[in-house]
Amino acid sequence: MLESDKRLFLRLGERVFHVNNEDWGLGAVVEVMTSSVPGGTCLVRILFEDGKQRTFNNDMDSALCCCYLGLRKNWRFDFGDAPRVARGQSPAKPAARRRIGRA
């Protein structure tokens, strides 16, 4: 089995959290290790907000894959300083475009 044949759950740089260990905080994938040996393991190393790095199985074809053991991708996006719109209110209208005439 080649590296391209593996079904990986996580990729480098993705953000994750563990559903059973909220005290770990959010984590980021800092290393992905995929064996080139047939039947070899796929591992992923994640740095969590608590300052610890933890290693998990990353092969979705394995019953021990981190996706089946409580690790989830963080799909929440941070839009920074974007204004929040309260429920029931319409968003603010964008500023009108100014037309500049030719001289």
N, C-alpha and C. Protein backbone atom coordinates (compact mmCIF):
# COMPACT_ATOMS: atom_id res chain seq x y z
N MET A 1 0.86 -1.18 0.00
CA MET A 1 0.00 0.00 0.00
C MET A 1 0.90 1.23 0.00
N LEU A 2 0.65 2.12 -0.91
CA LEU A 2 1.44 3.34 -1.00
C LEU A 2 0.83 4.43 -0.16
N GLU A 3 1.62 5.48 0.07
CA GLU A 3 1.14 6.60 0.88
C GLU A 3 -0.15 7.20 0.31
N SER A 4 -0.25 7.24 -1.01
CA SER A 4 -1.45 7.83 -1.62
C SER A 4 -2.68 6.95 -1.44
N ASP A 5 -2.49 5.65 -1.09
CA ASP A 5 -3.61 4.75 -0.89
C ASP A 5 -4.21 4.87 0.51
N LYS A 6 -3.52 5.52 1.42
CA LYS A 6 -4.01 5.67 2.80
C LYS A 6 -5.14 6.69 2.83
N ARG A 7 -6.11 6.43 3.68
CA ARG A 7 -7.19 7.39 3.91
C ARG A 7 -6.87 8.13 5.19
N LEU A 8 -6.35 9.34 5.06
CA LEU A 8 -5.95 10.13 6.22
C LEU A 8 -7.13 11.00 6.68
N PHE A 9 -7.27 11.11 8.00
CA PHE A 9 -8.33 11.94 8.58
C PHE A 9 -7.88 13.39 8.68
N LEU A 10 -6.65 13.62 9.15
CA LEU A 10 -6.16 14.97 9.39
C LEU A 10 -4.98 15.30 8.49
N ARG A 11 -4.87 16.56 8.16
CA ARG A 11 -3.75 17.08 7.35
C ARG A 11 -3.00 18.13 8.16
N LEU A 12 -1.80 18.44 7.74
CA LEU A 12 -0.96 19.41 8.42
C LEU A 12 -1.66 20.77 8.52
N GLY A 13 -1.65 21.34 9.73
CA GLY A 13 -2.21 22.67 9.94
C GLY A 13 -3.67 22.71 10.35
N GLU A 14 -4.39 21.60 10.26
CA GLU A 14 -5.80 21.60 10.62
C GLU A 14 -5.98 21.78 12.13
N ARG A 15 -7.09 22.39 12.51
CA ARG A 15 -7.42 22.63 13.92
C ARG A 15 -8.39 21.55 14.39
N VAL A 16 -8.18 21.07 15.62
CA VAL A 16 -9.00 19.99 16.16
C VAL A 16 -9.32 20.21 17.62
N PHE A 17 -10.24 19.42 18.14
CA PHE A 17 -10.52 19.37 19.58
C PHE A 17 -10.92 17.95 19.92
N HIS A 18 -10.81 17.59 21.20
CA HIS A 18 -11.17 16.26 21.65
C HIS A 18 -12.46 16.37 22.47
N VAL A 19 -13.47 15.59 22.09
CA VAL A 19 -14.79 15.73 22.73
C VAL A 19 -14.79 15.29 24.18
N ASN A 20 -13.90 14.38 24.57
CA ASN A 20 -13.87 13.87 25.94
C ASN A 20 -12.86 14.59 26.84
N ASN A 21 -12.01 15.40 26.25
CA ASN A 21 -10.96 16.08 27.02
C ASN A 21 -10.96 17.57 26.68
N GLU A 22 -11.98 18.28 27.11
CA GLU A 22 -12.10 19.70 26.82
C GLU A 22 -10.97 20.51 27.47
N ASP A 23 -10.40 19.98 28.56
CA ASP A 23 -9.34 20.71 29.24
C ASP A 23 -8.06 20.79 28.40
N TRP A 24 -7.94 19.98 27.35
CA TRP A 24 -6.79 20.07 26.46
C TRP A 24 -6.85 21.35 25.63
N GLY A 25 -8.06 21.83 25.34
CA GLY A 25 -8.24 23.00 24.50
C GLY A 25 -8.17 22.62 23.02
N LEU A 26 -8.10 23.63 22.18
CA LEU A 26 -7.96 23.39 20.74
C LEU A 26 -6.55 22.92 20.44
N GLY A 27 -6.42 22.19 19.35
CA GLY A 27 -5.11 21.71 18.95
C GLY A 27 -4.87 21.98 17.48
N ALA A 28 -3.60 21.93 17.08
CA ALA A 28 -3.23 22.11 15.68
C ALA A 28 -2.32 20.96 15.28
N VAL A 29 -2.55 20.43 14.10
CA VAL A 29 -1.72 19.34 13.58
C VAL A 29 -0.36 19.91 13.21
N VAL A 30 0.69 19.41 13.87
CA VAL A 30 2.03 19.92 13.62
C VAL A 30 2.91 18.92 12.86
N GLU A 31 2.48 17.66 12.78
CA GLU A 31 3.27 16.66 12.06
C GLU A 31 2.38 15.51 11.62
N VAL A 32 2.57 15.08 10.38
CA VAL A 32 1.86 13.91 9.85
C VAL A 32 2.92 12.92 9.40
N MET A 33 2.85 11.70 9.93
CA MET A 33 3.83 10.66 9.60
C MET A 33 3.09 9.49 8.97
N THR A 34 3.45 9.16 7.73
CA THR A 34 2.82 8.07 7.01
C THR A 34 3.88 7.08 6.59
N SER A 35 3.70 5.83 6.97
CA SER A 35 4.66 4.79 6.66
C SER A 35 4.59 4.42 5.19
N SER A 36 5.74 4.16 4.59
CA SER A 36 5.78 3.69 3.20
C SER A 36 5.78 2.17 3.14
N VAL A 37 5.83 1.51 4.29
CA VAL A 37 5.82 0.06 4.37
C VAL A 37 4.37 -0.43 4.26
N PRO A 38 4.09 -1.44 3.44
CA PRO A 38 2.72 -1.97 3.35
C PRO A 38 2.21 -2.38 4.73
N GLY A 39 1.03 -1.90 5.08
CA GLY A 39 0.45 -2.21 6.38
C GLY A 39 0.99 -1.36 7.51
N GLY A 40 1.85 -0.40 7.19
CA GLY A 40 2.43 0.48 8.20
C GLY A 40 1.42 1.45 8.76
N THR A 41 1.79 2.12 9.83
CA THR A 41 0.88 3.03 10.51
C THR A 41 0.93 4.44 9.95
N CYS A 42 -0.12 5.19 10.20
CA CYS A 42 -0.20 6.62 9.89
C CYS A 42 -0.43 7.32 11.21
N LEU A 43 0.46 8.20 11.56
CA LEU A 43 0.35 8.91 12.83
C LEU A 43 0.25 10.41 12.59
N VAL A 44 -0.35 11.08 13.54
CA VAL A 44 -0.47 12.53 13.49
C VAL A 44 -0.12 13.08 14.87
N ARG A 45 0.70 14.12 14.90
CA ARG A 45 1.08 14.76 16.16
C ARG A 45 0.36 16.10 16.26
N ILE A 46 -0.28 16.32 17.41
CA ILE A 46 -1.10 17.52 17.61
C ILE A 46 -0.61 18.27 18.84
N LEU A 47 -0.43 19.56 18.68
CA LEU A 47 -0.06 20.44 19.79
C LEU A 47 -1.33 21.10 20.29
N PHE A 48 -1.66 20.84 21.57
CA PHE A 48 -2.88 21.38 22.17
C PHE A 48 -2.57 22.65 22.96
N GLU A 49 -3.61 23.40 23.28
CA GLU A 49 -3.46 24.66 24.02
C GLU A 49 -2.89 24.46 25.40
N ASP A 50 -2.99 23.27 25.96
CA ASP A 50 -2.42 23.02 27.28
C ASP A 50 -0.91 22.85 27.23
N GLY A 51 -0.32 22.97 26.02
CA GLY A 51 1.13 22.93 25.86
C GLY A 51 1.70 21.55 25.60
N LYS A 52 0.87 20.53 25.54
CA LYS A 52 1.35 19.17 25.33
C LYS A 52 1.09 18.72 23.90
N GLN A 53 2.05 17.94 23.38
CA GLN A 53 1.87 17.31 22.08
C GLN A 53 1.40 15.88 22.31
N ARG A 54 0.39 15.48 21.55
CA ARG A 54 -0.13 14.13 21.66
C ARG A 54 -0.15 13.50 20.28
N THR A 55 0.10 12.20 20.23
CA THR A 55 0.18 11.47 18.97
C THR A 55 -1.00 10.51 18.85
N PHE A 56 -1.62 10.50 17.66
CA PHE A 56 -2.79 9.68 17.41
C PHE A 56 -2.62 8.92 16.10
N ASN A 57 -3.39 7.84 15.97
CA ASN A 57 -3.46 7.09 14.72
C ASN A 57 -4.31 7.91 13.74
N ASN A 58 -3.86 8.04 12.49
CA ASN A 58 -4.52 8.90 11.52
C ASN A 58 -5.08 8.12 10.33
N ASP A 59 -5.12 6.80 10.40
CA ASP A 59 -5.59 5.96 9.30
C ASP A 59 -7.06 5.66 9.48
N MET A 60 -7.92 6.20 8.61
CA MET A 60 -9.36 6.02 8.75
C MET A 60 -9.80 4.58 8.53
N ASP A 61 -8.94 3.74 7.97
CA ASP A 61 -9.28 2.33 7.78
C ASP A 61 -9.00 1.51 9.03
N SER A 62 -8.45 2.12 10.05
CA SER A 62 -8.14 1.45 11.31
C SER A 62 -9.23 1.78 12.34
N ALA A 63 -9.59 0.78 13.14
CA ALA A 63 -10.57 1.01 14.21
C ALA A 63 -10.00 1.91 15.29
N LEU A 64 -8.69 2.12 15.31
CA LEU A 64 -8.04 2.97 16.31
C LEU A 64 -7.81 4.39 15.82
N CYS A 65 -8.39 4.75 14.67
CA CYS A 65 -8.21 6.09 14.13
C CYS A 65 -8.76 7.13 15.12
N CYS A 66 -8.09 8.26 15.19
CA CYS A 66 -8.48 9.31 16.12
C CYS A 66 -9.89 9.84 15.86
N CYS A 67 -10.39 9.73 14.64
CA CYS A 67 -11.74 10.22 14.34
C CYS A 67 -12.80 9.37 15.04
N TYR A 68 -12.49 8.10 15.30
CA TYR A 68 -13.44 7.22 15.98
C TYR A 68 -13.28 7.28 17.50
N LEU A 69 -12.21 7.90 17.97
CA LEU A 69 -11.92 7.94 19.40
C LEU A 69 -12.13 9.31 20.03
N GLY A 70 -12.84 10.22 19.33
CA GLY A 70 -13.22 11.48 19.95
C GLY A 70 -12.55 12.73 19.43
N LEU A 71 -11.62 12.62 18.49
CA LEU A 71 -10.97 13.81 17.93
C LEU A 71 -11.83 14.33 16.79
N ARG A 72 -12.13 15.61 16.80
CA ARG A 72 -12.98 16.22 15.78
C ARG A 72 -12.29 17.45 15.19
N LYS A 73 -12.56 17.69 13.91
CA LYS A 73 -12.05 18.90 13.27
C LYS A 73 -12.83 20.09 13.78
N ASN A 74 -12.13 21.19 13.95
CA ASN A 74 -12.77 22.43 14.41
C ASN A 74 -13.19 23.21 13.17
N TRP A 75 -14.48 23.20 12.89
CA TRP A 75 -15.00 23.88 11.71
C TRP A 75 -15.46 25.30 12.02
N ARG A 76 -15.25 25.77 13.25
CA ARG A 76 -15.64 27.13 13.60
C ARG A 76 -14.62 28.11 13.04
N PHE A 77 -15.12 29.15 12.45
CA PHE A 77 -14.24 30.13 11.84
C PHE A 77 -14.23 31.41 12.66
N ASP A 78 -13.09 32.05 12.76
CA ASP A 78 -12.96 33.30 13.47
C ASP A 78 -12.87 34.41 12.44
N PHE A 79 -13.87 35.26 12.43
CA PHE A 79 -13.90 36.34 11.45
C PHE A 79 -13.32 37.64 12.01
N GLY A 80 -12.61 37.52 13.10
CA GLY A 80 -11.93 38.69 13.66
C GLY A 80 -12.88 39.76 14.12
N ASP A 81 -12.75 40.97 13.56
CA ASP A 81 -13.54 42.12 13.99
C ASP A 81 -14.82 42.30 13.18
N ALA A 82 -15.29 41.26 12.51
CA ALA A 82 -16.52 41.39 11.74
C ALA A 82 -17.67 41.69 12.69
N PRO A 83 -18.53 42.66 12.36
CA PRO A 83 -19.64 42.98 13.25
C PRO A 83 -20.63 41.83 13.32
N ARG A 84 -21.17 41.61 14.51
CA ARG A 84 -22.15 40.54 14.71
C ARG A 84 -23.55 41.13 14.55
N VAL A 85 -24.40 40.37 13.94
CA VAL A 85 -25.78 40.81 13.72
C VAL A 85 -26.67 40.03 14.67
N ALA A 86 -27.45 40.75 15.47
CA ALA A 86 -28.36 40.10 16.41
C ALA A 86 -29.49 39.43 15.64
N ARG A 87 -30.04 38.37 16.23
CA ARG A 87 -31.12 37.63 15.59
C ARG A 87 -32.30 38.56 15.37
N GLY A 88 -32.86 38.51 14.16
CA GLY A 88 -34.02 39.33 13.85
C GLY A 88 -33.65 40.68 13.24
N GLN A 89 -32.39 41.04 13.24
CA GLN A 89 -31.98 42.31 12.64
C GLN A 89 -31.35 42.03 11.29
N SER A 90 -31.48 43.00 10.41
CA SER A 90 -30.83 42.85 9.10
C SER A 90 -29.41 43.42 9.19
N PRO A 91 -28.50 42.87 8.44
CA PRO A 91 -27.14 43.39 8.47
C PRO A 91 -27.08 44.81 7.92
N ALA A 92 -26.09 45.55 8.35
CA ALA A 92 -25.94 46.93 7.89
C ALA A 92 -25.71 46.94 6.38
N LYS A 93 -26.27 47.96 5.74
CA LYS A 93 -26.09 48.08 4.29
C LYS A 93 -24.67 48.55 4.00
N PRO A 94 -24.09 48.05 2.94
CA PRO A 94 -22.74 48.51 2.57
C PRO A 94 -22.78 49.98 2.13
N ALA A 95 -21.67 50.64 2.26
CA ALA A 95 -21.60 52.04 1.85
C ALA A 95 -21.86 52.17 0.35
N ALA A 96 -22.56 53.24 -0.01
CA ALA A 96 -22.88 53.47 -1.42
C ALA A 96 -21.61 53.76 -2.20
N ARG A 97 -21.57 53.32 -3.43
CA ARG A 97 -20.41 53.57 -4.27
C ARG A 97 -20.46 55.00 -4.80
N ARG A 98 -19.29 55.61 -4.81
CA ARG A 98 -19.21 56.95 -5.36
C ARG A 98 -18.75 56.86 -6.80
N ARG A 99 -19.38 57.63 -7.60
CA ARG A 99 -19.02 57.65 -9.00
C ARG A 99 -18.10 58.82 -9.26
N ILE A 100 -16.99 58.55 -9.85
CA ILE A 100 -16.02 59.60 -10.15
C ILE A 100 -16.11 59.91 -11.64
N GLY A 101 -16.43 61.16 -11.94
CA GLY A 101 -16.56 61.56 -13.34
C GLY A 101 -15.20 61.77 -13.99
N ARG A 102 -15.19 61.69 -15.28
CA ARG A 102 -13.94 61.91 -16.02
C ARG A 102 -13.75 63.41 -16.26
N ALA A 103 -12.55 63.85 -16.17
CA ALA A 103 -12.27 65.28 -16.37
C ALA A 103 -11.85 65.57 -17.78
